[in-house]
PDB file of N, CA and C in Angstrom:
ATOM      1  N   UNK A   1       1.185   3.328   2.236  1.00  0.00           N
ATOM      2  CA  UNK A   1       1.548   1.951   2.566  1.00  0.00           C
ATOM      3  C   UNK A   1       1.539   1.800   4.083  1.00  0.00           C
ATOM      4  N   UNK A   2       0.916   0.769   4.551  1.00  0.00           N
ATOM      5  CA  UNK A   2       0.933   0.419   5.975  1.00  0.00           C
ATOM      6  C   UNK A   2       1.633  -0.923   6.098  1.00  0.00           C
ATOM      7  N   UNK A   3       2.592  -0.986   7.015  1.00  0.00           N
ATOM      8  CA  UNK A   3       3.313  -2.239   7.260  1.00  0.00           C
ATOM      9  C   UNK A   3       3.013  -2.683   8.683  1.00  0.00           C
ATOM     10  N   UNK A   4       2.516  -3.885   8.835  1.00  0.00           N
ATOM     11  CA  UNK A   4       2.184  -4.424  10.144  1.00  0.00           C
ATOM     12  C   UNK A   4       3.447  -4.965  10.827  1.00  0.00           C
ATOM     13  N   UNK A   5       3.463  -4.903  12.150  1.00  0.00           N
ATOM     14  CA  UNK A   5       4.595  -5.402  12.926  1.00  0.00           C
ATOM     15  C   UNK A   5       4.852  -6.873  12.608  1.00  0.00           C
ATOM     16  N   UNK A   6       6.120  -7.224  12.528  1.00  0.00           N
ATOM     17  CA  UNK A   6       6.527  -8.577  12.169  1.00  0.00           C
ATOM     18  C   UNK A   6       7.915  -8.806  12.779  1.00  0.00           C
ATOM     19  N   UNK A   7       8.117  -9.914  13.448  1.00  0.00           N
ATOM     20  CA  UNK A   7       9.396 -10.193  14.103  1.00  0.00           C
ATOM     21  C   UNK A   7      10.429 -10.796  13.153  1.00  0.00           C
ATOM     22  N   UNK A   8      10.077 -10.988  11.888  1.00  0.00           N
ATOM     23  CA  UNK A   8      11.002 -11.559  10.916  1.00  0.00           C
ATOM     24  C   UNK A   8      11.510 -10.468   9.976  1.00  0.00           C
ATOM     25  N   UNK A   9      12.401 -10.848   9.080  1.00  0.00           N
ATOM     26  CA  UNK A   9      12.844  -9.935   8.039  1.00  0.00           C
ATOM     27  C   UNK A   9      14.133  -9.198   8.311  1.00  0.00           C
ATOM     28  N   UNK A  10      14.877  -9.588   9.354  1.00  0.00           N
ATOM     29  CA  UNK A  10      16.154  -8.947   9.642  1.00  0.00           C
ATOM     30  C   UNK A  10      17.246  -9.588   8.781  1.00  0.00           C
ATOM     31  N   UNK A  11      18.138  -8.756   8.251  1.00  0.00           N
ATOM     32  CA  UNK A  11      19.285  -9.228   7.483  1.00  0.00           C
ATOM     33  C   UNK A  11      20.553  -8.727   8.147  1.00  0.00           C
ATOM     34  N   UNK A  12      21.545  -9.596   8.285  1.00  0.00           N
ATOM     35  CA  UNK A  12      22.809  -9.200   8.906  1.00  0.00           C
ATOM     36  C   UNK A  12      23.623  -8.419   7.885  1.00  0.00           C
ATOM     37  N   UNK A  13      23.848  -7.120   8.178  1.00  0.00           N
ATOM     38  CA  UNK A  13      24.640  -6.260   7.294  1.00  0.00           C
ATOM     39  C   UNK A  13      26.118  -6.595   7.391  1.00  0.00           C
ATOM     40  N   UNK A  14      26.596  -6.624   8.616  1.00  0.00           N
ATOM     41  CA  UNK A  14      27.957  -7.046   8.958  1.00  0.00           C
ATOM     42  C   UNK A  14      27.833  -7.763  10.298  1.00  0.00           C
ATOM     43  N   UNK A  15      28.898  -8.398  10.747  1.00  0.00           N
ATOM     44  CA  UNK A  15      28.826  -9.185  11.985  1.00  0.00           C
ATOM     45  C   UNK A  15      28.247  -8.365  13.135  1.00  0.00           C
ATOM     46  N   UNK A  16      27.121  -8.856  13.679  1.00  0.00           N
ATOM     47  CA  UNK A  16      26.514  -8.237  14.850  1.00  0.00           C
ATOM     48  C   UNK A  16      25.615  -7.046  14.568  1.00  0.00           C
ATOM     49  N   UNK A  17      25.356  -6.739  13.296  1.00  0.00           N
ATOM     50  CA  UNK A  17      24.488  -5.615  12.935  1.00  0.00           C
ATOM     51  C   UNK A  17      23.372  -6.145  12.037  1.00  0.00           C
ATOM     52  N   UNK A  18      22.146  -6.080  12.552  1.00  0.00           N
ATOM     53  CA  UNK A  18      20.980  -6.632  11.856  1.00  0.00           C
ATOM     54  C   UNK A  18      20.040  -5.504  11.469  1.00  0.00           C
ATOM     55  N   UNK A  19      19.629  -5.470  10.206  1.00  0.00           N
ATOM     56  CA  UNK A  19      18.762  -4.413   9.699  1.00  0.00           C
ATOM     57  C   UNK A  19      17.455  -4.986   9.188  1.00  0.00           C
ATOM     58  N   UNK A  20      16.375  -4.248   9.453  1.00  0.00           N
ATOM     59  CA  UNK A  20      15.070  -4.597   8.910  1.00  0.00           C
ATOM     60  C   UNK A  20      14.495  -3.354   8.241  1.00  0.00           C
ATOM     61  N   UNK A  21      14.068  -3.507   7.006  1.00  0.00           N
ATOM     62  CA  UNK A  21      13.360  -2.448   6.297  1.00  0.00           C
ATOM     63  C   UNK A  21      11.923  -2.452   6.808  1.00  0.00           C
ATOM     64  N   UNK A  22      11.476  -1.350   7.439  1.00  0.00           N
ATOM     65  CA  UNK A  22      10.139  -1.306   8.021  1.00  0.00           C
ATOM     66  C   UNK A  22       9.091  -0.857   7.002  1.00  0.00           C
ATOM     67  N   UNK A  23       9.356   0.244   6.314  1.00  0.00           N
ATOM     68  CA  UNK A  23       8.466   0.741   5.264  1.00  0.00           C
ATOM     69  C   UNK A  23       9.206   1.801   4.475  1.00  0.00           C
ATOM     70  N   UNK A  24       8.695   2.130   3.318  1.00  0.00           N
ATOM     71  CA  UNK A  24       9.314   3.179   2.507  1.00  0.00           C
ATOM     72  C   UNK A  24       8.284   3.789   1.587  1.00  0.00           C
ATOM     73  N   UNK A  25       8.594   4.978   1.124  1.00  0.00           N
ATOM     74  CA  UNK A  25       7.784   5.661   0.131  1.00  0.00           C
ATOM     75  C   UNK A  25       8.659   5.971  -1.064  1.00  0.00           C
ATOM     76  N   UNK A  26       8.325   7.013  -1.782  1.00  0.00           N
ATOM     77  CA  UNK A  26       9.093   7.393  -2.962  1.00  0.00           C
ATOM     78  C   UNK A  26      10.417   8.052  -2.588  1.00  0.00           C
ATOM     79  N   UNK A  27      10.477   8.714  -1.408  1.00  0.00           N
ATOM     80  CA  UNK A  27      11.679   9.474  -1.065  1.00  0.00           C
ATOM     81  C   UNK A  27      12.289   9.126   0.289  1.00  0.00           C
ATOM     82  N   UNK A  28      11.551   8.434   1.166  1.00  0.00           N
ATOM     83  CA  UNK A  28      12.077   8.117   2.491  1.00  0.00           C
ATOM     84  C   UNK A  28      11.972   6.627   2.771  1.00  0.00           C
ATOM     85  N   UNK A  29      12.871   6.165   3.642  1.00  0.00           N
ATOM     86  CA  UNK A  29      12.969   4.733   3.948  1.00  0.00           C
ATOM     87  C   UNK A  29      13.190   4.586   5.450  1.00  0.00           C
ATOM     88  N   UNK A  30      12.271   3.918   6.133  1.00  0.00           N
ATOM     89  CA  UNK A  30      12.333   3.717   7.580  1.00  0.00           C
ATOM     90  C   UNK A  30      12.888   2.324   7.876  1.00  0.00           C
ATOM     91  N   UNK A  31      13.917   2.268   8.741  1.00  0.00           N
ATOM     92  CA  UNK A  31      14.558   0.999   9.077  1.00  0.00           C
ATOM     93  C   UNK A  31      14.713   0.850  10.587  1.00  0.00           C
ATOM     94  N   UNK A  32      14.868  -0.396  11.013  1.00  0.00           N
ATOM     95  CA  UNK A  32      15.246  -0.710  12.391  1.00  0.00           C
ATOM     96  C   UNK A  32      16.579  -1.433  12.318  1.00  0.00           C
ATOM     97  N   UNK A  33      17.510  -1.016  13.162  1.00  0.00           N
ATOM     98  CA  UNK A  33      18.823  -1.647  13.195  1.00  0.00           C
ATOM     99  C   UNK A  33      19.081  -2.140  14.608  1.00  0.00           C
ATOM    100  N   UNK A  34      19.505  -3.396  14.720  1.00  0.00           N
ATOM    101  CA  UNK A  34      19.840  -3.995  16.010  1.00  0.00           C
ATOM    102  C   UNK A  34      21.332  -4.305  16.024  1.00  0.00           C
ATOM    103  N   UNK A  35      22.009  -3.827  17.050  1.00  0.00           N
ATOM    104  CA  UNK A  35      23.443  -4.028  17.209  1.00  0.00           C
ATOM    105  C   UNK A  35      23.708  -4.967  18.377  1.00  0.00           C
ATOM    106  N   UNK A  36      24.638  -5.881  18.214  1.00  0.00           N
ATOM    107  CA  UNK A  36      25.145  -6.691  19.310  1.00  0.00           C
ATOM    108  C   UNK A  36      26.339  -5.929  19.893  1.00  0.00           C
ATOM    109  N   UNK A  37      26.453  -5.916  21.210  1.00  0.00           N
ATOM    110  CA  UNK A  37      27.564  -5.222  21.870  1.00  0.00           C
ATOM    111  C   UNK A  37      28.889  -5.600  21.197  1.00  0.00           C
ATOM    112  N   UNK A  38      29.684  -4.589  20.876  1.00  0.00           N
ATOM    113  CA  UNK A  38      30.990  -4.800  20.260  1.00  0.00           C
ATOM    114  C   UNK A  38      30.977  -4.731  18.742  1.00  0.00           C
ATOM    115  N   UNK A  39      29.810  -4.768  18.127  1.00  0.00           N
ATOM    116  CA  UNK A  39      29.736  -4.680  16.659  1.00  0.00           C
ATOM    117  C   UNK A  39      30.217  -3.306  16.201  1.00  0.00           C
ATOM    118  N   UNK A  40      30.909  -3.290  15.075  1.00  0.00           N
ATOM    119  CA  UNK A  40      31.449  -2.038  14.533  1.00  0.00           C
ATOM    120  C   UNK A  40      31.050  -1.904  13.068  1.00  0.00           C
ATOM    121  N   UNK A  41      30.511  -0.742  12.733  1.00  0.00           N
ATOM    122  CA  UNK A  41      30.309  -0.368  11.333  1.00  0.00           C
ATOM    123  C   UNK A  41      31.461   0.565  11.001  1.00  0.00           C
ATOM    124  N   UNK A  42      32.382   0.148  10.144  1.00  0.00           N
ATOM    125  CA  UNK A  42      33.536   0.994   9.814  1.00  0.00           C
ATOM    126  C   UNK A  42      33.094   2.337   9.220  1.00  0.00           C
ATOM    127  N   UNK A  43      33.953   3.342   9.358  1.00  0.00           N
ATOM    128  CA  UNK A  43      33.640   4.637   8.770  1.00  0.00           C
ATOM    129  C   UNK A  43      33.390   4.467   7.277  1.00  0.00           C
ATOM    130  N   UNK A  44      32.325   5.078   6.804  1.00  0.00           N
ATOM    131  CA  UNK A  44      31.908   4.954   5.413  1.00  0.00           C
ATOM    132  C   UNK A  44      31.129   6.206   5.031  1.00  0.00           C
ATOM    133  N   UNK A  45      30.693   6.280   3.812  1.00  0.00           N
ATOM    134  CA  UNK A  45      29.827   7.371   3.348  1.00  0.00           C
ATOM    135  C   UNK A  45      28.898   6.828   2.276  1.00  0.00           C
ATOM    136  N   UNK A  46      27.773   7.480   2.092  1.00  0.00           N
ATOM    137  CA  UNK A  46      26.809   7.086   1.066  1.00  0.00           C
ATOM    138  C   UNK A  46      26.028   8.325   0.638  1.00  0.00           C
ATOM    139  N   UNK A  47      25.367   8.256  -0.506  1.00  0.00           N
ATOM    140  CA  UNK A  47      24.652   9.433  -1.015  1.00  0.00           C
ATOM    141  C   UNK A  47      23.342   9.742  -0.297  1.00  0.00           C
ATOM    142  N   UNK A  48      22.952   8.910   0.663  1.00  0.00           N
ATOM    143  CA  UNK A  48      21.683   9.090   1.367  1.00  0.00           C
ATOM    144  C   UNK A  48      21.852   9.963   2.600  1.00  0.00           C
ATOM    145  N   UNK A  49      20.894  10.873   2.836  1.00  0.00           N
ATOM    146  CA  UNK A  49      20.818  11.547   4.119  1.00  0.00           C
ATOM    147  C   UNK A  49      20.295  10.510   5.111  1.00  0.00           C
ATOM    148  N   UNK A  50      20.802  10.533   6.357  1.00  0.00           N
ATOM    149  CA  UNK A  50      20.483   9.506   7.344  1.00  0.00           C
ATOM    150  C   UNK A  50      20.152  10.179   8.670  1.00  0.00           C
ATOM    151  N   UNK A  51      18.952   9.923   9.185  1.00  0.00           N
ATOM    152  CA  UNK A  51      18.515  10.472  10.463  1.00  0.00           C
ATOM    153  C   UNK A  51      18.145   9.308  11.372  1.00  0.00           C
ATOM    154  N   UNK A  52      18.637   9.337  12.621  1.00  0.00           N
ATOM    155  CA  UNK A  52      18.400   8.210  13.513  1.00  0.00           C
ATOM    156  C   UNK A  52      17.996   8.611  14.913  1.00  0.00           C
ATOM    157  N   UNK A  53      17.441   7.623  15.631  1.00  0.00           N
ATOM    158  CA  UNK A  53      16.975   7.773  17.004  1.00  0.00           C
ATOM    159  C   UNK A  53      17.329   6.494  17.755  1.00  0.00           C
ATOM    160  N   UNK A  54      18.046   6.629  18.874  1.00  0.00           N
ATOM    161  CA  UNK A  54      18.441   5.458  19.662  1.00  0.00           C
ATOM    162  C   UNK A  54      17.323   5.096  20.637  1.00  0.00           C
ATOM    163  N   UNK A  55      16.771   3.892  20.467  1.00  0.00           N
ATOM    164  CA  UNK A  55      15.705   3.408  21.342  1.00  0.00           C
ATOM    165  C   UNK A  55      16.287   2.823  22.624  1.00  0.00           C
ATOM    166  N   UNK A  56      17.321   1.976  22.484  1.00  0.00           N
ATOM    167  CA  UNK A  56      17.921   1.353  23.664  1.00  0.00           C
ATOM    168  C   UNK A  56      19.388   1.071  23.397  1.00  0.00           C
ATOM    169  N   UNK A  57      20.160   0.974  24.485  1.00  0.00           N
ATOM    170  CA  UNK A  57      21.579   0.662  24.371  1.00  0.00           C
ATOM    171  C   UNK A  57      22.448   1.901  24.386  1.00  0.00           C
ATOM    172  N   UNK A  58      23.620   1.786  23.782  1.00  0.00           N
ATOM    173  CA  UNK A  58      24.576   2.885  23.721  1.00  0.00           C
ATOM    174  C   UNK A  58      25.478   2.664  22.510  1.00  0.00           C
ATOM    175  N   UNK A  59      25.698   3.731  21.738  1.00  0.00           N
ATOM    176  CA  UNK A  59      26.558   3.674  20.560  1.00  0.00           C
ATOM    177  C   UNK A  59      27.618   4.760  20.636  1.00  0.00           C
ATOM    178  N   UNK A  60      28.758   4.472  20.054  1.00  0.00           N
ATOM    179  CA  UNK A  60      29.805   5.487  19.868  1.00  0.00           C
ATOM    180  C   UNK A  60      29.880   5.749  18.377  1.00  0.00           C
ATOM    181  N   UNK A  61      29.587   6.982  17.978  1.00  0.00           N
ATOM    182  CA  UNK A  61      29.750   7.374  16.588  1.00  0.00           C
ATOM    183  C   UNK A  61      31.119   7.994  16.401  1.00  0.00           C
ATOM    184  N   UNK A  62      31.705   7.756  15.251  1.00  0.00           N
ATOM    185  CA  UNK A  62      32.967   8.403  14.919  1.00  0.00           C
ATOM    186  C   UNK A  62      32.877   8.933  13.500  1.00  0.00           C
ATOM    187  N   UNK A  63      33.451  10.142  13.343  1.00  0.00           N
ATOM    188  CA  UNK A  63      33.426  10.818  12.054  1.00  0.00           C
ATOM    189  C   UNK A  63      34.612  11.765  11.976  1.00  0.00           C
ATOM    190  N   UNK A  64      35.461  11.527  11.015  1.00  0.00           N
ATOM    191  CA  UNK A  64      36.615  12.403  10.787  1.00  0.00           C
ATOM    192  C   UNK A  64      37.414  12.647  12.067  1.00  0.00           C
ATOM    193  N   UNK A  65      37.634  11.597  12.848  1.00  0.00           N
ATOM    194  CA  UNK A  65      38.462  11.686  14.046  1.00  0.00           C
ATOM    195  C   UNK A  65      37.731  12.140  15.300  1.00  0.00           C
ATOM    196  N   UNK A  66      36.457  12.467  15.223  1.00  0.00           N
ATOM    197  CA  UNK A  66      35.688  12.882  16.397  1.00  0.00           C
ATOM    198  C   UNK A  66      34.783  11.747  16.846  1.00  0.00           C
ATOM    199  N   UNK A  67      34.664  11.558  18.170  1.00  0.00           N
ATOM    200  CA  UNK A  67      33.815  10.520  18.757  1.00  0.00           C
ATOM    201  C   UNK A  67      32.694  11.166  19.565  1.00  0.00           C
ATOM    202  N   UNK A  68      31.506  10.574  19.493  1.00  0.00           N
ATOM    203  CA  UNK A  68      30.373  11.007  20.308  1.00  0.00           C
ATOM    204  C   UNK A  68      29.621   9.764  20.756  1.00  0.00           C
ATOM    205  N   UNK A  69      29.348   9.656  22.051  1.00  0.00           N
ATOM    206  CA  UNK A  69      28.570   8.545  22.593  1.00  0.00           C
ATOM    207  C   UNK A  69      27.118   9.011  22.719  1.00  0.00           C
ATOM    208  N   UNK A  70      26.184   8.165  22.222  1.00  0.00           N
ATOM    209  CA  UNK A  70      24.761   8.490  22.311  1.00  0.00           C
ATOM    210  C   UNK A  70      24.063   7.490  23.226  1.00  0.00           C
ATOM    211  N   UNK A  71      23.000   7.979  23.880  1.00  0.00           N
ATOM    212  CA  UNK A  71      22.204   7.202  24.832  1.00  0.00           C
ATOM    213  C   UNK A  71      20.755   7.197  24.354  1.00  0.00           C
ATOM    214  N   UNK A  72      19.905   6.336  24.933  1.00  0.00           N
ATOM    215  CA  UNK A  72      18.505   6.298  24.515  1.00  0.00           C
ATOM    216  C   UNK A  72      17.864   7.686  24.523  1.00  0.00           C
ATOM    217  N   UNK A  73      17.147   7.970  23.438  1.00  0.00           N
ATOM    218  CA  UNK A  73      16.509   9.266  23.264  1.00  0.00           C
ATOM    219  C   UNK A  73      17.331  10.245  22.449  1.00  0.00           C
ATOM    220  N   UNK A  74      18.630   9.971  22.257  1.00  0.00           N
ATOM    221  CA  UNK A  74      19.477  10.845  21.441  1.00  0.00           C
ATOM    222  C   UNK A  74      19.203  10.596  19.961  1.00  0.00           C
ATOM    223  N   UNK A  75      19.408  11.643  19.163  1.00  0.00           N
ATOM    224  CA  UNK A  75      19.163  11.590  17.720  1.00  0.00           C
ATOM    225  C   UNK A  75      20.405  12.069  16.969  1.00  0.00           C
ATOM    226  N   UNK A  76      20.449  11.759  15.666  1.00  0.00           N
ATOM    227  CA  UNK A  76      21.556  12.201  14.817  1.00  0.00           C
ATOM    228  C   UNK A  76      21.081  12.368  13.395  1.00  0.00           C
ATOM    229  N   UNK A  77      21.884  13.097  12.641  1.00  0.00           N
ATOM    230  CA  UNK A  77      21.646  13.251  11.209  1.00  0.00           C
ATOM    231  C   UNK A  77      22.994  13.315  10.523  1.00  0.00           C
ATOM    232  N   UNK A  78      23.157  12.472   9.520  1.00  0.00           N
ATOM    233  CA  UNK A  78      24.355  12.483   8.687  1.00  0.00           C
ATOM    234  C   UNK A  78      23.936  12.989   7.315  1.00  0.00           C
ATOM    235  N   UNK A  79      24.570  14.063   6.873  1.00  0.00           N
ATOM    236  CA  UNK A  79      24.286  14.601   5.545  1.00  0.00           C
ATOM    237  C   UNK A  79      24.762  13.622   4.475  1.00  0.00           C
ATOM    238  N   UNK A  80      24.244  13.765   3.299  1.00  0.00           N
ATOM    239  CA  UNK A  80      24.684  12.959   2.165  1.00  0.00           C
ATOM    240  C   UNK A  80      26.204  13.045   2.028  1.00  0.00           C
ATOM    241  N   UNK A  81      26.843  11.895   1.882  1.00  0.00           N
ATOM    242  CA  UNK A  81      28.296  11.768   1.700  1.00  0.00           C
ATOM    243  C   UNK A  81      29.135  12.150   2.911  1.00  0.00           C
ATOM    244  N   UNK A  82      28.520  12.342   4.090  1.00  0.00           N
ATOM    245  CA  UNK A  82      29.298  12.631   5.305  1.00  0.00           C
ATOM    246  C   UNK A  82      29.926  11.340   5.819  1.00  0.00           C
ATOM    247  N   UNK A  83      31.232  11.334   6.114  1.00  0.00           N
ATOM    248  CA  UNK A  83      31.854  10.122   6.658  1.00  0.00           C
ATOM    249  C   UNK A  83      31.358   9.864   8.084  1.00  0.00           C
ATOM    250  N   UNK A  84      31.055   8.600   8.392  1.00  0.00           N
ATOM    251  CA  UNK A  84      30.586   8.237   9.730  1.00  0.00           C
ATOM    252  C   UNK A  84      30.703   6.734   9.917  1.00  0.00           C
ATOM    253  N   UNK A  85      30.814   6.309  11.181  1.00  0.00           N
ATOM    254  CA  UNK A  85      30.843   4.906  11.557  1.00  0.00           C
ATOM    255  C   UNK A  85      30.313   4.793  12.974  1.00  0.00           C
ATOM    256  N   UNK A  86      30.138   3.557  13.449  1.00  0.00           N
ATOM    257  CA  UNK A  86      29.561   3.367  14.781  1.00  0.00           C
ATOM    258  C   UNK A  86      30.086   2.090  15.428  1.00  0.00           C
ATOM    259  N   UNK A  87      30.133   2.118  16.753  1.00  0.00           N
ATOM    260  CA  UNK A  87      30.472   0.944  17.559  1.00  0.00           C
ATOM    261  C   UNK A  87      29.395   0.788  18.621  1.00  0.00           C
ATOM    262  N   UNK A  88      28.891  -0.423  18.801  1.00  0.00           N
ATOM    263  CA  UNK A  88      27.888  -0.693  19.826  1.00  0.00           C
ATOM    264  C   UNK A  88      28.579  -0.914  21.170  1.00  0.00           C
ATOM    265  N   UNK A  89      28.348  -0.013  22.116  1.00  0.00           N
ATOM    266  CA  UNK A  89      28.910  -0.149  23.461  1.00  0.00           C
ATOM    267  C   UNK A  89      28.066  -1.094  24.306  1.00  0.00           C
ATOM    268  N   UNK A  90      26.815  -1.316  23.891  1.00  0.00           N
ATOM    269  CA  UNK A  90      25.880  -2.260  24.500  1.00  0.00           C
ATOM    270  C   UNK A  90      25.021  -2.816  23.366  1.00  0.00           C
ATOM    271  N   UNK A  91      24.266  -3.891  23.635  1.00  0.00           N
ATOM    272  CA  UNK A  91      23.242  -4.289  22.676  1.00  0.00           C
ATOM    273  C   UNK A  91      22.348  -3.064  22.486  1.00  0.00           C
ATOM    274  N   UNK A  92      22.023  -2.724  21.234  1.00  0.00           N
ATOM    275  CA  UNK A  92      21.320  -1.472  20.958  1.00  0.00           C
ATOM    276  C   UNK A  92      20.277  -1.652  19.864  1.00  0.00           C
ATOM    277  N   UNK A  93      19.243  -0.803  19.917  1.00  0.00           N
ATOM    278  CA  UNK A  93      18.202  -0.775  18.891  1.00  0.00           C
ATOM    279  C   UNK A  93      18.045   0.671  18.428  1.00  0.00           C
ATOM    280  N   UNK A  94      18.047   0.837  17.105  1.00  0.00           N
ATOM    281  CA  UNK A  94      18.009   2.151  16.464  1.00  0.00           C
ATOM    282  C   UNK A  94      16.888   2.165  15.429  1.00  0.00           C
ATOM    283  N   UNK A  95      16.237   3.307  15.289  1.00  0.00           N
ATOM    284  CA  UNK A  95      15.330   3.551  14.165  1.00  0.00           C
ATOM    285  C   UNK A  95      16.007   4.608  13.295  1.00  0.00           C
ATOM    286  N   UNK A  96      16.081   4.340  11.989  1.00  0.00           N
ATOM    287  CA  UNK A  96      16.721   5.298  11.083  1.00  0.00           C
ATOM    288  C   UNK A  96      15.868   5.526   9.840  1.00  0.00           C
ATOM    289  N   UNK A  97      15.947   6.749   9.332  1.00  0.00           N
ATOM    290  CA  UNK A  97      15.286   7.136   8.092  1.00  0.00           C
ATOM    291  C   UNK A  97      16.366   7.540   7.102  1.00  0.00           C
ATOM    292  N   UNK A  98      16.258   7.015   5.893  1.00  0.00           N
ATOM    293  CA  UNK A  98      17.172   7.357   4.804  1.00  0.00           C
ATOM    294  C   UNK A  98      16.391   8.055   3.705  1.00  0.00           C
ATOM    295  N   UNK A  99      17.043   9.020   3.057  1.00  0.00           N
ATOM    296  CA  UNK A  99      16.453   9.663   1.890  1.00  0.00           C
ATOM    297  C   UNK A  99      17.572   9.968   0.902  1.00  0.00           C
ATOM    298  N   UNK A 100      17.439   9.556  -0.356  1.00  0.00           N
ATOM    299  CA  UNK A 100      16.353   8.759  -0.901  1.00  0.00           C
ATOM    300  C   UNK A 100      16.393   7.338  -0.323  1.00  0.00           C
ATOM    301  N   UNK A 101      15.444   6.512  -0.736  1.00  0.00           N
ATOM    302  CA  UNK A 101      15.377   5.160  -0.185  1.00  0.00           C
ATOM    303  C   UNK A 101      16.660   4.394  -0.483  1.00  0.00           C
ATOM    304  N   UNK A 102      16.996   3.478   0.411  1.00  0.00           N
ATOM    305  CA  UNK A 102      18.159   2.606   0.234  1.00  0.00           C
ATOM    306  C   UNK A 102      17.713   1.370  -0.536  1.00  0.00           C
ATOM    307  N   UNK A 103      17.931   1.381  -1.823  1.00  0.00           N
ATOM    308  CA  UNK A 103      17.553   0.227  -2.656  1.00  0.00           C
ATOM    309  C   UNK A 103      18.208  -1.050  -2.135  1.00  0.00           C
ATOM    310  N   UNK A 104      19.455  -0.931  -1.612  1.00  0.00           N
ATOM    311  CA  UNK A 104      20.187  -2.098  -1.121  1.00  0.00           C
ATOM    312  C   UNK A 104      19.627  -2.634   0.194  1.00  0.00           C
ATOM    313  N   UNK A 105      18.737  -1.894   0.854  1.00  0.00           N
ATOM    314  CA  UNK A 105      18.131  -2.332   2.108  1.00  0.00           C
ATOM    315  C   UNK A 105      16.691  -2.833   1.928  1.00  0.00           C
ATOM    316  N   UNK A 106      16.152  -2.762   0.722  1.00  0.00           N
ATOM    317  CA  UNK A 106      14.783  -3.220   0.505  1.00  0.00           C
ATOM    318  C   UNK A 106      14.704  -4.732   0.679  1.00  0.00           C
ATOM    319  N   UNK A 107      13.553  -5.254   1.117  1.00  0.00           N
ATOM    320  CA  UNK A 107      13.404  -6.703   1.281  1.00  0.00           C
ATOM    321  C   UNK A 107      13.790  -7.433  -0.006  1.00  0.00           C
ATOM    322  N   UNK A 108      14.589  -8.476   0.152  1.00  0.00           N
ATOM    323  CA  UNK A 108      15.032  -9.294  -0.976  1.00  0.00           C
ATOM    324  C   UNK A 108      16.300  -8.801  -1.644  1.00  0.00           C
ATOM    325  N   UNK A 109      16.712  -7.559  -1.379  1.00  0.00           N
ATOM    326  CA  UNK A 109      17.896  -7.007  -2.038  1.00  0.00           C
ATOM    327  C   UNK A 109      19.187  -7.664  -1.561  1.00  0.00           C
ATOM    328  N   UNK A 110      19.213  -8.151  -0.306  1.00  0.00           N
ATOM    329  CA  UNK A 110      20.448  -8.703   0.270  1.00  0.00           C
ATOM    330  C   UNK A 110      20.393 -10.204   0.424  1.00  0.00           C
ATOM    331  N   UNK A 111      19.385 -10.847  -0.113  1.00  0.00           N
ATOM    332  CA  UNK A 111      19.235 -12.293   0.071  1.00  0.00           C
ATOM    333  C   UNK A 111      19.972 -13.069  -0.999  1.00  0.00           C
TER     334      UNK A 111
END
């Protein structure tokens, strides 16, 4: 599957956090997430492995009482069911891969 660049298709997950499903296969799902400064994703967990790369901005991740600030070029991986959350310290853009695919993030799933 090839997906051409498109400036539409973002869905607001929670206040200030916008997600776009870029492409997916049978086992992996590529997404772009845009954060507005101050947006917070509360600590949560899910059955998907999650790997990310910060393109721009700055995020503070928190997991089980530990905080880590990431800058452009930094990467992360959350194992399946690992507790994690994030706060946008600046407007930020992230690319993330989920496995298996996030059915709830597919186009039309949140509309």
